[in-house]
């Protein structure tokens, strides 16, 4: 996937951290990278976010995707993506 993927993931990690979530870039043995996100107040609430290039030229270049592969948010707005992840991982009462 290249360095663009890593840079997008690192920017997302920073935004997630600013929202109080634990996040880090993980690289598998096959070389695939994703962000592992955990709510420190409810550690069972977690998600893996990937970043992939768009397959269609008229769409934005890179997308953050949920663990099941659905596009979540454009990678040129990591703050917006982090807000979505924080909302999904919020514990009741947070």
PDB file of N, CA and C in Angstrom:
ATOM      1  N   UNK A   1       0.810  -1.193   0.000  1.00  0.00           N
ATOM      2  CA  UNK A   1       0.000   0.000   0.000  1.00  0.00           C
ATOM      3  C   UNK A   1       0.854   1.258   0.000  1.00  0.00           C
ATOM      4  N   UNK A   2       2.018   1.201   0.537  1.00  0.00           N
ATOM      5  CA  UNK A   2       2.915   2.334   0.451  1.00  0.00           C
ATOM      6  C   UNK A   2       2.821   3.293   1.619  1.00  0.00           C
ATOM      7  N   UNK A   3       3.641   4.341   1.534  1.00  0.00           N
ATOM      8  CA  UNK A   3       3.758   5.300   2.615  1.00  0.00           C
ATOM      9  C   UNK A   3       2.504   6.144   2.802  1.00  0.00           C
ATOM     10  N   UNK A   4       1.728   6.396   1.733  1.00  0.00           N
ATOM     11  CA  UNK A   4       0.501   7.175   1.880  1.00  0.00           C
ATOM     12  C   UNK A   4      -0.417   6.522   2.907  1.00  0.00           C
ATOM     13  N   UNK A   5      -0.541   5.229   2.833  1.00  0.00           N
ATOM     14  CA  UNK A   5      -1.370   4.470   3.754  1.00  0.00           C
ATOM     15  C   UNK A   5      -0.901   4.719   5.183  1.00  0.00           C
ATOM     16  N   UNK A   6       0.397   4.607   5.435  1.00  0.00           N
ATOM     17  CA  UNK A   6       0.948   4.764   6.782  1.00  0.00           C
ATOM     18  C   UNK A   6       0.716   6.184   7.285  1.00  0.00           C
ATOM     19  N   UNK A   7       0.938   7.184   6.448  1.00  0.00           N
ATOM     20  CA  UNK A   7       0.746   8.573   6.860  1.00  0.00           C
ATOM     21  C   UNK A   7      -0.711   8.845   7.211  1.00  0.00           C
ATOM     22  N   UNK A   8      -1.634   8.336   6.430  1.00  0.00           N
ATOM     23  CA  UNK A   8      -3.056   8.502   6.746  1.00  0.00           C
ATOM     24  C   UNK A   8      -3.386   7.834   8.076  1.00  0.00           C
ATOM     25  N   UNK A   9      -2.854   6.651   8.299  1.00  0.00           N
ATOM     26  CA  UNK A   9      -3.124   5.933   9.546  1.00  0.00           C
ATOM     27  C   UNK A   9      -2.524   6.665  10.742  1.00  0.00           C
ATOM     28  N   UNK A  10      -1.330   7.208  10.590  1.00  0.00           N
ATOM     29  CA  UNK A  10      -0.691   7.955  11.686  1.00  0.00           C
ATOM     30  C   UNK A  10      -1.497   9.209  12.041  1.00  0.00           C
ATOM     31  N   UNK A  11      -2.011   9.893  11.043  1.00  0.00           N
ATOM     32  CA  UNK A  11      -2.839  11.078  11.313  1.00  0.00           C
ATOM     33  C   UNK A  11      -4.115  10.676  12.056  1.00  0.00           C
ATOM     34  N   UNK A  12      -4.694   9.544  11.694  1.00  0.00           N
ATOM     35  CA  UNK A  12      -5.878   9.060  12.399  1.00  0.00           C
ATOM     36  C   UNK A  12      -5.545   8.718  13.850  1.00  0.00           C
ATOM     37  N   UNK A  13      -4.407   8.084  14.085  1.00  0.00           N
ATOM     38  CA  UNK A  13      -3.976   7.752  15.452  1.00  0.00           C
ATOM     39  C   UNK A  13      -3.911   9.017  16.312  1.00  0.00           C
ATOM     40  N   UNK A  14      -3.330  10.086  15.775  1.00  0.00           N
ATOM     41  CA  UNK A  14      -3.219  11.341  16.519  1.00  0.00           C
ATOM     42  C   UNK A  14      -4.599  11.897  16.873  1.00  0.00           C
ATOM     43  N   UNK A  15      -5.522  11.866  15.922  1.00  0.00           N
ATOM     44  CA  UNK A  15      -6.867  12.377  16.167  1.00  0.00           C
ATOM     45  C   UNK A  15      -7.640  11.522  17.177  1.00  0.00           C
ATOM     46  N   UNK A  16      -7.459  10.218  17.100  1.00  0.00           N
ATOM     47  CA  UNK A  16      -8.118   9.329  18.058  1.00  0.00           C
ATOM     48  C   UNK A  16      -7.570   9.554  19.467  1.00  0.00           C
ATOM     49  N   UNK A  17      -6.252   9.731  19.580  1.00  0.00           N
ATOM     50  CA  UNK A  17      -5.633  10.006  20.871  1.00  0.00           C
ATOM     51  C   UNK A  17      -6.153  11.293  21.479  1.00  0.00           C
ATOM     52  N   UNK A  18      -6.375  12.313  20.646  1.00  0.00           N
ATOM     53  CA  UNK A  18      -6.909  13.587  21.128  1.00  0.00           C
ATOM     54  C   UNK A  18      -8.328  13.426  21.669  1.00  0.00           C
ATOM     55  N   UNK A  19      -9.007  12.355  21.292  1.00  0.00           N
ATOM     56  CA  UNK A  19     -10.360  12.082  21.771  1.00  0.00           C
ATOM     57  C   UNK A  19     -10.356  11.086  22.923  1.00  0.00           C
ATOM     58  N   UNK A  20      -9.179  10.778  23.466  1.00  0.00           N
ATOM     59  CA  UNK A  20      -9.079   9.914  24.638  1.00  0.00           C
ATOM     60  C   UNK A  20      -9.093   8.429  24.351  1.00  0.00           C
ATOM     61  N   UNK A  21      -8.976   8.050  23.077  1.00  0.00           N
ATOM     62  CA  UNK A  21      -8.948   6.633  22.727  1.00  0.00           C
ATOM     63  C   UNK A  21      -7.503   6.157  22.597  1.00  0.00           C
ATOM     64  N   UNK A  22      -7.276   4.901  22.874  1.00  0.00           N
ATOM     65  CA  UNK A  22      -5.959   4.297  22.672  1.00  0.00           C
ATOM     66  C   UNK A  22      -5.904   3.806  21.237  1.00  0.00           C
ATOM     67  N   UNK A  23      -4.885   4.211  20.506  1.00  0.00           N
ATOM     68  CA  UNK A  23      -4.795   3.829  19.098  1.00  0.00           C
ATOM     69  C   UNK A  23      -3.335   3.682  18.694  1.00  0.00           C
ATOM     70  N   UNK A  24      -3.093   2.725  17.821  1.00  0.00           N
ATOM     71  CA  UNK A  24      -1.745   2.550  17.269  1.00  0.00           C
ATOM     72  C   UNK A  24      -1.848   1.851  15.926  1.00  0.00           C
ATOM     73  N   UNK A  25      -0.830   2.097  15.108  1.00  0.00           N
ATOM     74  CA  UNK A  25      -0.751   1.417  13.820  1.00  0.00           C
ATOM     75  C   UNK A  25      -0.147   0.040  14.047  1.00  0.00           C
ATOM     76  N   UNK A  26      -0.789  -0.964  13.515  1.00  0.00           N
ATOM     77  CA  UNK A  26      -0.329  -2.346  13.599  1.00  0.00           C
ATOM     78  C   UNK A  26      -0.008  -2.803  12.182  1.00  0.00           C
ATOM     79  N   UNK A  27       1.100  -3.521  12.037  1.00  0.00           N
ATOM     80  CA  UNK A  27       1.440  -4.105  10.739  1.00  0.00           C
ATOM     81  C   UNK A  27       1.496  -5.614  10.894  1.00  0.00           C
ATOM     82  N   UNK A  28       0.738  -6.312  10.065  1.00  0.00           N
ATOM     83  CA  UNK A  28       0.720  -7.771  10.115  1.00  0.00           C
ATOM     84  C   UNK A  28       1.980  -8.330   9.449  1.00  0.00           C
ATOM     85  N   UNK A  29       2.205  -9.607   9.603  1.00  0.00           N
ATOM     86  CA  UNK A  29       3.357 -10.246   8.960  1.00  0.00           C
ATOM     87  C   UNK A  29       3.283 -10.131   7.444  1.00  0.00           C
ATOM     88  N   UNK A  30       2.081 -10.068   6.904  1.00  0.00           N
ATOM     89  CA  UNK A  30       1.924  -9.944   5.451  1.00  0.00           C
ATOM     90  C   UNK A  30       2.173  -8.514   4.964  1.00  0.00           C
ATOM     91  N   UNK A  31       2.318  -7.575   5.904  1.00  0.00           N
ATOM     92  CA  UNK A  31       2.590  -6.194   5.547  1.00  0.00           C
ATOM     93  C   UNK A  31       1.373  -5.288   5.572  1.00  0.00           C
ATOM     94  N   UNK A  32       0.193  -5.861   5.768  1.00  0.00           N
ATOM     95  CA  UNK A  32      -1.032  -5.060   5.836  1.00  0.00           C
ATOM     96  C   UNK A  32      -1.025  -4.224   7.113  1.00  0.00           C
ATOM     97  N   UNK A  33      -1.414  -2.960   6.988  1.00  0.00           N
ATOM     98  CA  UNK A  33      -1.439  -2.059   8.146  1.00  0.00           C
ATOM     99  C   UNK A  33      -2.873  -1.657   8.462  1.00  0.00           C
ATOM    100  N   UNK A  34      -3.125  -1.457   9.760  1.00  0.00           N
ATOM    101  CA  UNK A  34      -4.420  -0.959  10.210  1.00  0.00           C
ATOM    102  C   UNK A  34      -4.225  -0.249  11.548  1.00  0.00           C
ATOM    103  N   UNK A  35      -5.225   0.510  11.956  1.00  0.00           N
ATOM    104  CA  UNK A  35      -5.200   1.158  13.260  1.00  0.00           C
ATOM    105  C   UNK A  35      -6.067   0.343  14.210  1.00  0.00           C
ATOM    106  N   UNK A  36      -5.477  -0.060  15.310  1.00  0.00           N
ATOM    107  CA  UNK A  36      -6.200  -0.756  16.383  1.00  0.00           C
ATOM    108  C   UNK A  36      -6.628   0.317  17.369  1.00  0.00           C
ATOM    109  N   UNK A  37      -7.934   0.441  17.606  1.00  0.00           N
ATOM    110  CA  UNK A  37      -8.483   1.467  18.488  1.00  0.00           C
ATOM    111  C   UNK A  37      -9.216   0.800  19.640  1.00  0.00           C
ATOM    112  N   UNK A  38      -8.958   1.286  20.852  1.00  0.00           N
ATOM    113  CA  UNK A  38      -9.606   0.745  22.043  1.00  0.00           C
ATOM    114  C   UNK A  38     -10.094   1.910  22.905  1.00  0.00           C
ATOM    115  N   UNK A  39     -11.299   1.769  23.444  1.00  0.00           N
ATOM    116  CA  UNK A  39     -11.798   2.725  24.423  1.00  0.00           C
ATOM    117  C   UNK A  39     -11.214   2.310  25.773  1.00  0.00           C
ATOM    118  N   UNK A  40     -10.336   3.139  26.378  1.00  0.00           N
ATOM    119  CA  UNK A  40      -9.697   2.739  27.641  1.00  0.00           C
ATOM    120  C   UNK A  40     -10.673   2.637  28.806  1.00  0.00           C
ATOM    121  N   UNK A  41     -11.858   3.238  28.680  1.00  0.00           N
ATOM    122  CA  UNK A  41     -12.864   3.169  29.743  1.00  0.00           C
ATOM    123  C   UNK A  41     -13.771   1.948  29.603  1.00  0.00           C
ATOM    124  N   UNK A  42     -13.676   1.266  28.488  1.00  0.00           N
ATOM    125  CA  UNK A  42     -14.471   0.062  28.223  1.00  0.00           C
ATOM    126  C   UNK A  42     -13.693  -0.749  27.193  1.00  0.00           C
ATOM    127  N   UNK A  43     -12.692  -1.491  27.642  1.00  0.00           N
ATOM    128  CA  UNK A  43     -11.738  -2.128  26.721  1.00  0.00           C
ATOM    129  C   UNK A  43     -12.365  -3.160  25.793  1.00  0.00           C
ATOM    130  N   UNK A  44     -13.579  -3.594  26.069  1.00  0.00           N
ATOM    131  CA  UNK A  44     -14.243  -4.507  25.132  1.00  0.00           C
ATOM    132  C   UNK A  44     -14.723  -3.764  23.893  1.00  0.00           C
ATOM    133  N   UNK A  45     -14.752  -2.434  23.954  1.00  0.00           N
ATOM    134  CA  UNK A  45     -15.137  -1.623  22.798  1.00  0.00           C
ATOM    135  C   UNK A  45     -13.889  -1.301  21.998  1.00  0.00           C
ATOM    136  N   UNK A  46     -13.748  -1.947  20.850  1.00  0.00           N
ATOM    137  CA  UNK A  46     -12.556  -1.769  20.020  1.00  0.00           C
ATOM    138  C   UNK A  46     -12.923  -1.898  18.551  1.00  0.00           C
ATOM    139  N   UNK A  47     -12.022  -1.432  17.713  1.00  0.00           N
ATOM    140  CA  UNK A  47     -12.242  -1.488  16.267  1.00  0.00           C
ATOM    141  C   UNK A  47     -10.892  -1.465  15.568  1.00  0.00           C
ATOM    142  N   UNK A  48     -10.831  -2.080  14.395  1.00  0.00           N
ATOM    143  CA  UNK A  48      -9.673  -2.002  13.521  1.00  0.00           C
ATOM    144  C   UNK A  48     -10.072  -1.193  12.298  1.00  0.00           C
ATOM    145  N   UNK A  49      -9.322  -0.136  12.010  1.00  0.00           N
ATOM    146  CA  UNK A  49      -9.624   0.743  10.884  1.00  0.00           C
ATOM    147  C   UNK A  49      -8.511   0.606   9.853  1.00  0.00           C
ATOM    148  N   UNK A  50      -8.879   0.378   8.618  1.00  0.00           N
ATOM    149  CA  UNK A  50      -7.906   0.306   7.530  1.00  0.00           C
ATOM    150  C   UNK A  50      -7.986   1.582   6.697  1.00  0.00           C
ATOM    151  N   UNK A  51      -7.047   1.727   5.787  1.00  0.00           N
ATOM    152  CA  UNK A  51      -7.059   2.853   4.856  1.00  0.00           C
ATOM    153  C   UNK A  51      -6.713   2.298   3.485  1.00  0.00           C
ATOM    154  N   UNK A  52      -7.600   2.552   2.527  1.00  0.00           N
ATOM    155  CA  UNK A  52      -7.413   1.980   1.196  1.00  0.00           C
ATOM    156  C   UNK A  52      -7.587   3.030   0.114  1.00  0.00           C
ATOM    157  N   UNK A  53      -6.885   2.840  -0.993  1.00  0.00           N
ATOM    158  CA  UNK A  53      -7.093   3.754  -2.117  1.00  0.00           C
ATOM    159  C   UNK A  53      -8.444   3.469  -2.774  1.00  0.00           C
ATOM    160  N   UNK A  54      -9.028   4.505  -3.329  1.00  0.00           N
ATOM    161  CA  UNK A  54     -10.299   4.347  -4.047  1.00  0.00           C
ATOM    162  C   UNK A  54     -10.064   3.581  -5.339  1.00  0.00           C
ATOM    163  N   UNK A  55     -11.017   2.769  -5.705  1.00  0.00           N
ATOM    164  CA  UNK A  55     -10.905   1.991  -6.945  1.00  0.00           C
ATOM    165  C   UNK A  55     -11.431   2.771  -8.140  1.00  0.00           C
ATOM    166  N   UNK A  56     -12.190   3.819  -7.876  1.00  0.00           N
ATOM    167  CA  UNK A  56     -12.815   4.600  -8.935  1.00  0.00           C
ATOM    168  C   UNK A  56     -12.182   5.989  -8.946  1.00  0.00           C
ATOM    169  N   UNK A  57     -11.784   6.459 -10.114  1.00  0.00           N
ATOM    170  CA  UNK A  57     -11.025   7.701 -10.222  1.00  0.00           C
ATOM    171  C   UNK A  57     -11.797   8.949  -9.798  1.00  0.00           C
ATOM    172  N   UNK A  58     -13.123   8.957  -9.907  1.00  0.00           N
ATOM    173  CA  UNK A  58     -13.850  10.165  -9.546  1.00  0.00           C
ATOM    174  C   UNK A  58     -14.116  10.295  -8.043  1.00  0.00           C
ATOM    175  N   UNK A  59     -13.656   9.335  -7.265  1.00  0.00           N
ATOM    176  CA  UNK A  59     -13.808   9.389  -5.817  1.00  0.00           C
ATOM    177  C   UNK A  59     -12.530   9.922  -5.190  1.00  0.00           C
ATOM    178  N   UNK A  60     -12.606  10.397  -3.918  1.00  0.00           N
ATOM    179  CA  UNK A  60     -11.373  10.808  -3.231  1.00  0.00           C
ATOM    180  C   UNK A  60     -10.349   9.677  -3.244  1.00  0.00           C
ATOM    181  N   UNK A  61      -9.081  10.043  -3.178  1.00  0.00           N
ATOM    182  CA  UNK A  61      -7.994   9.073  -3.354  1.00  0.00           C
ATOM    183  C   UNK A  61      -7.949   7.959  -2.309  1.00  0.00           C
ATOM    184  N   UNK A  62      -8.091   8.295  -1.039  1.00  0.00           N
ATOM    185  CA  UNK A  62      -7.954   7.308   0.036  1.00  0.00           C
ATOM    186  C   UNK A  62      -9.154   7.374   0.958  1.00  0.00           C
ATOM    187  N   UNK A  63      -9.510   6.219   1.515  1.00  0.00           N
ATOM    188  CA  UNK A  63     -10.650   6.101   2.420  1.00  0.00           C
ATOM    189  C   UNK A  63     -10.248   5.330   3.672  1.00  0.00           C
ATOM    190  N   UNK A  64     -10.748   5.781   4.831  1.00  0.00           N
ATOM    191  CA  UNK A  64     -10.709   4.964   6.047  1.00  0.00           C
ATOM    192  C   UNK A  64     -11.877   4.003   5.949  1.00  0.00           C
ATOM    193  N   UNK A  65     -11.655   2.760   6.359  1.00  0.00           N
ATOM    194  CA  UNK A  65     -12.688   1.733   6.275  1.00  0.00           C
ATOM    195  C   UNK A  65     -12.839   1.014   7.606  1.00  0.00           C
ATOM    196  N   UNK A  66     -14.084   0.633   7.910  1.00  0.00           N
ATOM    197  CA  UNK A  66     -14.358  -0.170   9.102  1.00  0.00           C
ATOM    198  C   UNK A  66     -13.743  -1.559   8.918  1.00  0.00           C
ATOM    199  N   UNK A  67     -13.679  -2.315   9.973  1.00  0.00           N
ATOM    200  CA  UNK A  67     -13.059  -3.645   9.930  1.00  0.00           C
ATOM    201  C   UNK A  67     -13.761  -4.591   8.964  1.00  0.00           C
ATOM    202  N   UNK A  68     -15.030  -4.388   8.710  1.00  0.00           N
ATOM    203  CA  UNK A  68     -15.759  -5.270   7.777  1.00  0.00           C
ATOM    204  C   UNK A  68     -15.644  -4.806   6.335  1.00  0.00           C
ATOM    205  N   UNK A  69     -14.872  -3.715   6.086  1.00  0.00           N
ATOM    206  CA  UNK A  69     -14.577  -3.286   4.726  1.00  0.00           C
ATOM    207  C   UNK A  69     -15.400  -2.122   4.210  1.00  0.00           C
ATOM    208  N   UNK A  70     -16.447  -1.736   4.919  1.00  0.00           N
ATOM    209  CA  UNK A  70     -17.278  -0.607   4.471  1.00  0.00           C
ATOM    210  C   UNK A  70     -16.517   0.702   4.624  1.00  0.00           C
ATOM    211  N   UNK A  71     -16.607   1.568   3.595  1.00  0.00           N
ATOM    212  CA  UNK A  71     -15.974   2.881   3.682  1.00  0.00           C
ATOM    213  C   UNK A  71     -16.610   3.684   4.803  1.00  0.00           C
ATOM    214  N   UNK A  72     -15.757   4.349   5.588  1.00  0.00           N
ATOM    215  CA  UNK A  72     -16.233   5.137   6.706  1.00  0.00           C
ATOM    216  C   UNK A  72     -16.138   6.631   6.422  1.00  0.00           C
ATOM    217  N   UNK A  73     -14.969   7.074   5.923  1.00  0.00           N
ATOM    218  CA  UNK A  73     -14.716   8.508   5.799  1.00  0.00           C
ATOM    219  C   UNK A  73     -13.500   8.720   4.903  1.00  0.00           C
ATOM    220  N   UNK A  74     -13.460   9.854   4.216  1.00  0.00           N
ATOM    221  CA  UNK A  74     -12.295  10.136   3.380  1.00  0.00           C
ATOM    222  C   UNK A  74     -11.063  10.359   4.246  1.00  0.00           C
ATOM    223  N   UNK A  75      -9.922   9.898   3.761  1.00  0.00           N
ATOM    224  CA  UNK A  75      -8.681   9.985   4.529  1.00  0.00           C
ATOM    225  C   UNK A  75      -8.114  11.390   4.577  1.00  0.00           C
ATOM    226  N   UNK A  76      -8.643  12.313   3.771  1.00  0.00           N
ATOM    227  CA  UNK A  76      -8.153  13.686   3.850  1.00  0.00           C
ATOM    228  C   UNK A  76      -8.783  14.445   5.017  1.00  0.00           C
ATOM    229  N   UNK A  77      -9.619  13.774   5.804  1.00  0.00           N
ATOM    230  CA  UNK A  77     -10.243  14.368   6.987  1.00  0.00           C
ATOM    231  C   UNK A  77     -10.151  13.398   8.167  1.00  0.00           C
ATOM    232  N   UNK A  78      -8.942  13.204   8.727  1.00  0.00           N
ATOM    233  CA  UNK A  78      -8.808  12.260   9.835  1.00  0.00           C
ATOM    234  C   UNK A  78      -9.606  12.666  11.071  1.00  0.00           C
ATOM    235  N   UNK A  79      -9.825  13.970  11.273  1.00  0.00           N
ATOM    236  CA  UNK A  79     -10.609  14.415  12.425  1.00  0.00           C
ATOM    237  C   UNK A  79     -12.054  13.934  12.309  1.00  0.00           C
ATOM    238  N   UNK A  80     -12.614  14.023  11.111  1.00  0.00           N
ATOM    239  CA  UNK A  80     -13.976  13.542  10.897  1.00  0.00           C
ATOM    240  C   UNK A  80     -14.087  12.045  11.109  1.00  0.00           C
ATOM    241  N   UNK A  81     -13.094  11.308  10.629  1.00  0.00           N
ATOM    242  CA  UNK A  81     -13.079   9.852  10.819  1.00  0.00           C
ATOM    243  C   UNK A  81     -12.968   9.508  12.298  1.00  0.00           C
ATOM    244  N   UNK A  82     -12.099  10.220  13.007  1.00  0.00           N
ATOM    245  CA  UNK A  82     -11.909   9.953  14.439  1.00  0.00           C
ATOM    246  C   UNK A  82     -13.193  10.225  15.217  1.00  0.00           C
ATOM    247  N   UNK A  83     -13.927  11.256  14.828  1.00  0.00           N
ATOM    248  CA  UNK A  83     -15.200  11.556  15.484  1.00  0.00           C
ATOM    249  C   UNK A  83     -16.177  10.400  15.313  1.00  0.00           C
ATOM    250  N   UNK A  84     -16.231   9.822  14.114  1.00  0.00           N
ATOM    251  CA  UNK A  84     -17.116   8.681  13.864  1.00  0.00           C
ATOM    252  C   UNK A  84     -16.709   7.475  14.712  1.00  0.00           C
ATOM    253  N   UNK A  85     -15.414   7.176  14.751  1.00  0.00           N
ATOM    254  CA  UNK A  85     -14.940   6.030  15.533  1.00  0.00           C
ATOM    255  C   UNK A  85     -15.226   6.255  17.015  1.00  0.00           C
ATOM    256  N   UNK A  86     -14.969   7.467  17.512  1.00  0.00           N
ATOM    257  CA  UNK A  86     -15.210   7.771  18.925  1.00  0.00           C
ATOM    258  C   UNK A  86     -16.690   7.585  19.272  1.00  0.00           C
ATOM    259  N   UNK A  87     -17.557   7.985  18.362  1.00  0.00           N
ATOM    260  CA  UNK A  87     -19.001   7.833  18.599  1.00  0.00           C
ATOM    261  C   UNK A  87     -19.379   6.350  18.686  1.00  0.00           C
ATOM    262  N   UNK A  88     -18.819   5.548  17.807  1.00  0.00           N
ATOM    263  CA  UNK A  88     -19.136   4.108  17.801  1.00  0.00           C
ATOM    264  C   UNK A  88     -18.572   3.412  19.043  1.00  0.00           C
ATOM    265  N   UNK A  89     -17.410   3.838  19.496  1.00  0.00           N
ATOM    266  CA  UNK A  89     -16.761   3.171  20.633  1.00  0.00           C
ATOM    267  C   UNK A  89     -17.115   3.792  21.982  1.00  0.00           C
ATOM    268  N   UNK A  90     -17.996   4.754  22.014  1.00  0.00           N
ATOM    269  CA  UNK A  90     -18.358   5.393  23.283  1.00  0.00           C
ATOM    270  C   UNK A  90     -19.131   4.419  24.168  1.00  0.00           C
ATOM    271  N   UNK A  91     -18.736   4.370  25.430  1.00  0.00           N
ATOM    272  CA  UNK A  91     -19.472   3.557  26.400  1.00  0.00           C
ATOM    273  C   UNK A  91     -20.724   4.298  26.829  1.00  0.00           C
ATOM    274  N   UNK A  92     -21.726   3.587  27.253  1.00  0.00           N
ATOM    275  CA  UNK A  92     -22.948   4.220  27.744  1.00  0.00           C
ATOM    276  C   UNK A  92     -22.587   5.151  28.890  1.00  0.00           C
ATOM    277  N   UNK A  93     -23.064   6.374  28.814  1.00  0.00           N
ATOM    278  CA  UNK A  93     -22.785   7.347  29.874  1.00  0.00           C
ATOM    279  C   UNK A  93     -21.555   8.202  29.637  1.00  0.00           C
ATOM    280  N   UNK A  94     -20.783   7.921  28.578  1.00  0.00           N
ATOM    281  CA  UNK A  94     -19.592   8.730  28.290  1.00  0.00           C
ATOM    282  C   UNK A  94     -19.973  10.013  27.616  1.00  0.00           C
TER     283      UNK A  94
END
